[in-house]
Amino acid sequence: MLNYVKTNVISDYDVHVHTGEEYASDAHNFKDQMEKFGGCIDELQQSMERIHYYVNGIMDGFDKQKEEVVKNSGYMTKIDEEFKKIVDAVLDNKEIVDELETIISQFKI
């Protein structure tokens, strides 16, 4: 019986011990890989937060630019209206000048 235990049971026990050591080593390696993966995920999250911050800054800039464009568009509309008034006044003055030239041409010196 001792011989059977010595040849079969102990060798099976050695196989189980070796298997357990391999499982422990694999588990340790897996843990190391998961910790590295977790570090990469943390870096990725920080990078995404920075991108989000920069995109929000860009969008804020666009919003401010949009407000300026709308404001300037209002100014351009006012300038266009005033320019039309000036053109109308010049045309009115031209008509008056034309009338004056006609009246003056009737006088003979």
C-alpha atoms as a PDB file:
ATOM      1  CA  MET A   1       0.000   0.000   0.000  1.00  0.00           C
ATOM      2  CA  LEU A   2       2.863   2.361   0.805  1.00  0.00           C
ATOM      3  CA  ASN A   3       4.404   1.592  -2.522  1.00  0.00           C
ATOM      4  CA  TYR A   4       1.097   2.482  -4.283  1.00  0.00           C
ATOM      5  CA  VAL A   5       0.873   5.744  -2.324  1.00  0.00           C
ATOM      6  CA  LYS A   6       4.532   6.464  -3.092  1.00  0.00           C
ATOM      7  CA  THR A   7       4.247   5.829  -6.834  1.00  0.00           C
ATOM      8  CA  ASN A   8       0.704   6.876  -7.687  1.00  0.00           C
ATOM      9  CA  VAL A   9      -0.710   9.166  -5.039  1.00  0.00           C
ATOM     10  CA  ILE A  10       2.421  11.261  -4.517  1.00  0.00           C
ATOM     11  CA  SER A  11       2.935  11.699  -8.270  1.00  0.00           C
ATOM     12  CA  ASP A  12      -0.741  12.724  -8.612  1.00  0.00           C
ATOM     13  CA  TYR A  13      -0.234  15.084  -5.665  1.00  0.00           C
ATOM     14  CA  ASP A  14       2.858  16.568  -7.392  1.00  0.00           C
ATOM     15  CA  VAL A  15       0.773  17.106 -10.526  1.00  0.00           C
ATOM     16  CA  HIS A  16      -1.875  18.893  -8.449  1.00  0.00           C
ATOM     17  CA  VAL A  17       0.780  21.012  -6.713  1.00  0.00           C
ATOM     18  CA  HIS A  18       2.351  21.897 -10.067  1.00  0.00           C
ATOM     19  CA  THR A  19      -1.096  22.699 -11.491  1.00  0.00           C
ATOM     20  CA  GLY A  20      -1.855  24.881  -8.473  1.00  0.00           C
ATOM     21  CA  GLU A  21       1.438  26.719  -8.916  1.00  0.00           C
ATOM     22  CA  GLU A  22       0.628  27.300 -12.593  1.00  0.00           C
ATOM     23  CA  TYR A  23      -2.843  28.586 -11.657  1.00  0.00           C
ATOM     24  CA  ALA A  24      -1.271  30.917  -9.085  1.00  0.00           C
ATOM     25  CA  SER A  25       1.269  32.143 -11.663  1.00  0.00           C
ATOM     26  CA  ASP A  26      -1.470  32.619 -14.281  1.00  0.00           C
ATOM     27  CA  ALA A  27      -3.612  34.460 -11.752  1.00  0.00           C
ATOM     28  CA  HIS A  28      -0.685  36.725 -10.854  1.00  0.00           C
ATOM     29  CA  ASN A  29      -0.006  37.433 -14.550  1.00  0.00           C
ATOM     30  CA  PHE A  30      -3.697  38.050 -15.151  1.00  0.00           C
ATOM     31  CA  LYS A  31      -3.779  40.461 -12.187  1.00  0.00           C
ATOM     32  CA  ASP A  32      -0.733  42.334 -13.583  1.00  0.00           C
ATOM     33  CA  GLN A  33      -2.395  42.606 -17.000  1.00  0.00           C
ATOM     34  CA  MET A  34      -5.638  43.844 -15.445  1.00  0.00           C
ATOM     35  CA  GLU A  35      -3.734  46.474 -13.444  1.00  0.00           C
ATOM     36  CA  LYS A  36      -2.001  47.649 -16.639  1.00  0.00           C
ATOM     37  CA  PHE A  37      -5.340  47.642 -18.425  1.00  0.00           C
ATOM     38  CA  GLY A  38      -6.857  49.647 -15.558  1.00  0.00           C
ATOM     39  CA  GLY A  39      -4.023  52.177 -15.887  1.00  0.00           C
ATOM     40  CA  CYS A  40      -4.698  52.463 -19.625  1.00  0.00           C
ATOM     41  CA  ILE A  41      -8.410  52.939 -18.939  1.00  0.00           C
ATOM     42  CA  ASP A  42      -7.585  55.699 -16.425  1.00  0.00           C
ATOM     43  CA  GLU A  43      -5.355  57.438 -18.980  1.00  0.00           C
ATOM     44  CA  LEU A  44      -8.051  57.090 -21.611  1.00  0.00           C
ATOM     45  CA  GLN A  45     -10.652  58.541 -19.243  1.00  0.00           C
ATOM     46  CA  GLN A  46      -8.393  61.504 -18.425  1.00  0.00           C
ATOM     47  CA  SER A  47      -7.757  62.037 -22.122  1.00  0.00           C
ATOM     48  CA  MET A  48     -11.497  61.933 -22.858  1.00  0.00           C
ATOM     49  CA  GLU A  49     -12.121  64.466 -20.078  1.00  0.00           C
ATOM     50  CA  ARG A  50      -9.497  66.799 -21.583  1.00  0.00           C
ATOM     51  CA  ILE A  51     -11.035  66.387 -25.043  1.00  0.00           C
ATOM     52  CA  HIS A  52     -14.471  67.132 -23.573  1.00  0.00           C
ATOM     53  CA  TYR A  53     -13.068  70.269 -21.894  1.00  0.00           C
ATOM     54  CA  TYR A  54     -11.436  71.461 -25.132  1.00  0.00           C
ATOM     55  CA  VAL A  55     -14.536  70.730 -27.232  1.00  0.00           C
ATOM     56  CA  ASN A  56     -16.657  72.706 -24.758  1.00  0.00           C
ATOM     57  CA  GLY A  57     -14.168  75.587 -25.014  1.00  0.00           C
ATOM     58  CA  ILE A  58     -14.366  75.493 -28.796  1.00  0.00           C
ATOM     59  CA  MET A  59     -18.160  75.411 -28.698  1.00  0.00           C
ATOM     60  CA  ASP A  60     -18.204  78.370 -26.306  1.00  0.00           C
ATOM     61  CA  GLY A  61     -15.946  80.218 -28.746  1.00  0.00           C
ATOM     62  CA  PHE A  62     -18.312  79.394 -31.603  1.00  0.00           C
ATOM     63  CA  ASP A  63     -21.265  80.635 -29.577  1.00  0.00           C
ATOM     64  CA  LYS A  64     -19.484  83.921 -28.856  1.00  0.00           C
ATOM     65  CA  GLN A  65     -18.518  84.280 -32.514  1.00  0.00           C
ATOM     66  CA  LYS A  66     -22.107  83.565 -33.535  1.00  0.00           C
ATOM     67  CA  GLU A  67     -23.312  86.314 -31.201  1.00  0.00           C
ATOM     68  CA  GLU A  68     -20.778  88.724 -32.728  1.00  0.00           C
ATOM     69  CA  VAL A  69     -21.846  87.787 -36.260  1.00  0.00           C
ATOM     70  CA  VAL A  70     -25.503  88.352 -35.380  1.00  0.00           C
ATOM     71  CA  LYS A  71     -24.616  91.673 -33.744  1.00  0.00           C
ATOM     72  CA  ASN A  72     -22.509  92.748 -36.732  1.00  0.00           C
ATOM     73  CA  SER A  73     -25.270  91.658 -39.077  1.00  0.00           C
ATOM     74  CA  GLY A  74     -27.611  94.049 -37.237  1.00  0.00           C
ATOM     75  CA  TYR A  75     -25.047  96.828 -37.634  1.00  0.00           C
ATOM     76  CA  MET A  76     -24.721  96.071 -41.341  1.00  0.00           C
ATOM     77  CA  THR A  77     -28.488  96.250 -41.729  1.00  0.00           C
ATOM     78  CA  LYS A  78     -28.510  99.656 -40.032  1.00  0.00           C
ATOM     79  CA  ILE A  79     -25.589 100.845 -42.179  1.00  0.00           C
ATOM     80  CA  ASP A  80     -27.404  99.641 -45.304  1.00  0.00           C
ATOM     81  CA  GLU A  81     -30.552 101.521 -44.270  1.00  0.00           C
ATOM     82  CA  GLU A  82     -28.555 104.720 -43.615  1.00  0.00           C
ATOM     83  CA  PHE A  83     -26.668 104.313 -46.895  1.00  0.00           C
ATOM     84  CA  LYS A  84     -30.000 104.014 -48.749  1.00  0.00           C
ATOM     85  CA  LYS A  85     -31.114 107.262 -47.072  1.00  0.00           C
ATOM     86  CA  ILE A  86     -27.890 108.948 -48.258  1.00  0.00           C
ATOM     87  CA  VAL A  87     -28.418 107.658 -51.816  1.00  0.00           C
ATOM     88  CA  ASP A  88     -32.018 108.910 -51.746  1.00  0.00           C
ATOM     89  CA  ALA A  89     -30.834 112.322 -50.489  1.00  0.00           C
ATOM     90  CA  VAL A  90     -28.172 112.489 -53.236  1.00  0.00           C
ATOM     91  CA  LEU A  91     -30.764 111.594 -55.862  1.00  0.00           C
ATOM     92  CA  ASP A  92     -33.098 114.260 -54.458  1.00  0.00           C
ATOM     93  CA  ASN A  93     -30.241 116.788 -54.552  1.00  0.00           C
ATOM     94  CA  LYS A  94     -29.439 115.807 -58.150  1.00  0.00           C
ATOM     95  CA  GLU A  95     -33.030 116.468 -59.135  1.00  0.00           C
ATOM     96  CA  ILE A  96     -32.859 119.864 -57.413  1.00  0.00           C
ATOM     97  CA  VAL A  97     -29.539 120.647 -59.142  1.00  0.00           C
ATOM     98  CA  ASP A  98     -30.991 119.622 -62.497  1.00  0.00           C
ATOM     99  CA  GLU A  99     -33.975 121.900 -61.884  1.00  0.00           C
ATOM    100  CA  LEU A 100     -31.663 124.761 -60.872  1.00  0.00           C
ATOM    101  CA  GLU A 101     -29.565 124.260 -64.003  1.00  0.00           C
ATOM    102  CA  THR A 102     -32.695 124.399 -66.103  1.00  0.00           C
ATOM    103  CA  ILE A 103     -33.829 127.611 -64.379  1.00  0.00           C
ATOM    104  CA  ILE A 104     -30.353 129.192 -64.581  1.00  0.00           C
ATOM    105  CA  SER A 105     -30.028 128.318 -68.250  1.00  0.00           C
ATOM    106  CA  GLN A 106     -33.061 130.503 -68.930  1.00  0.00           C
ATOM    107  CA  PHE A 107     -31.169 133.571 -67.734  1.00  0.00           C
ATOM    108  CA  LYS A 108     -28.994 135.285 -70.316  1.00  0.00           C
ATOM    109  CA  ILE A 109     -26.114 137.454 -69.367  1.00  0.00           C
END
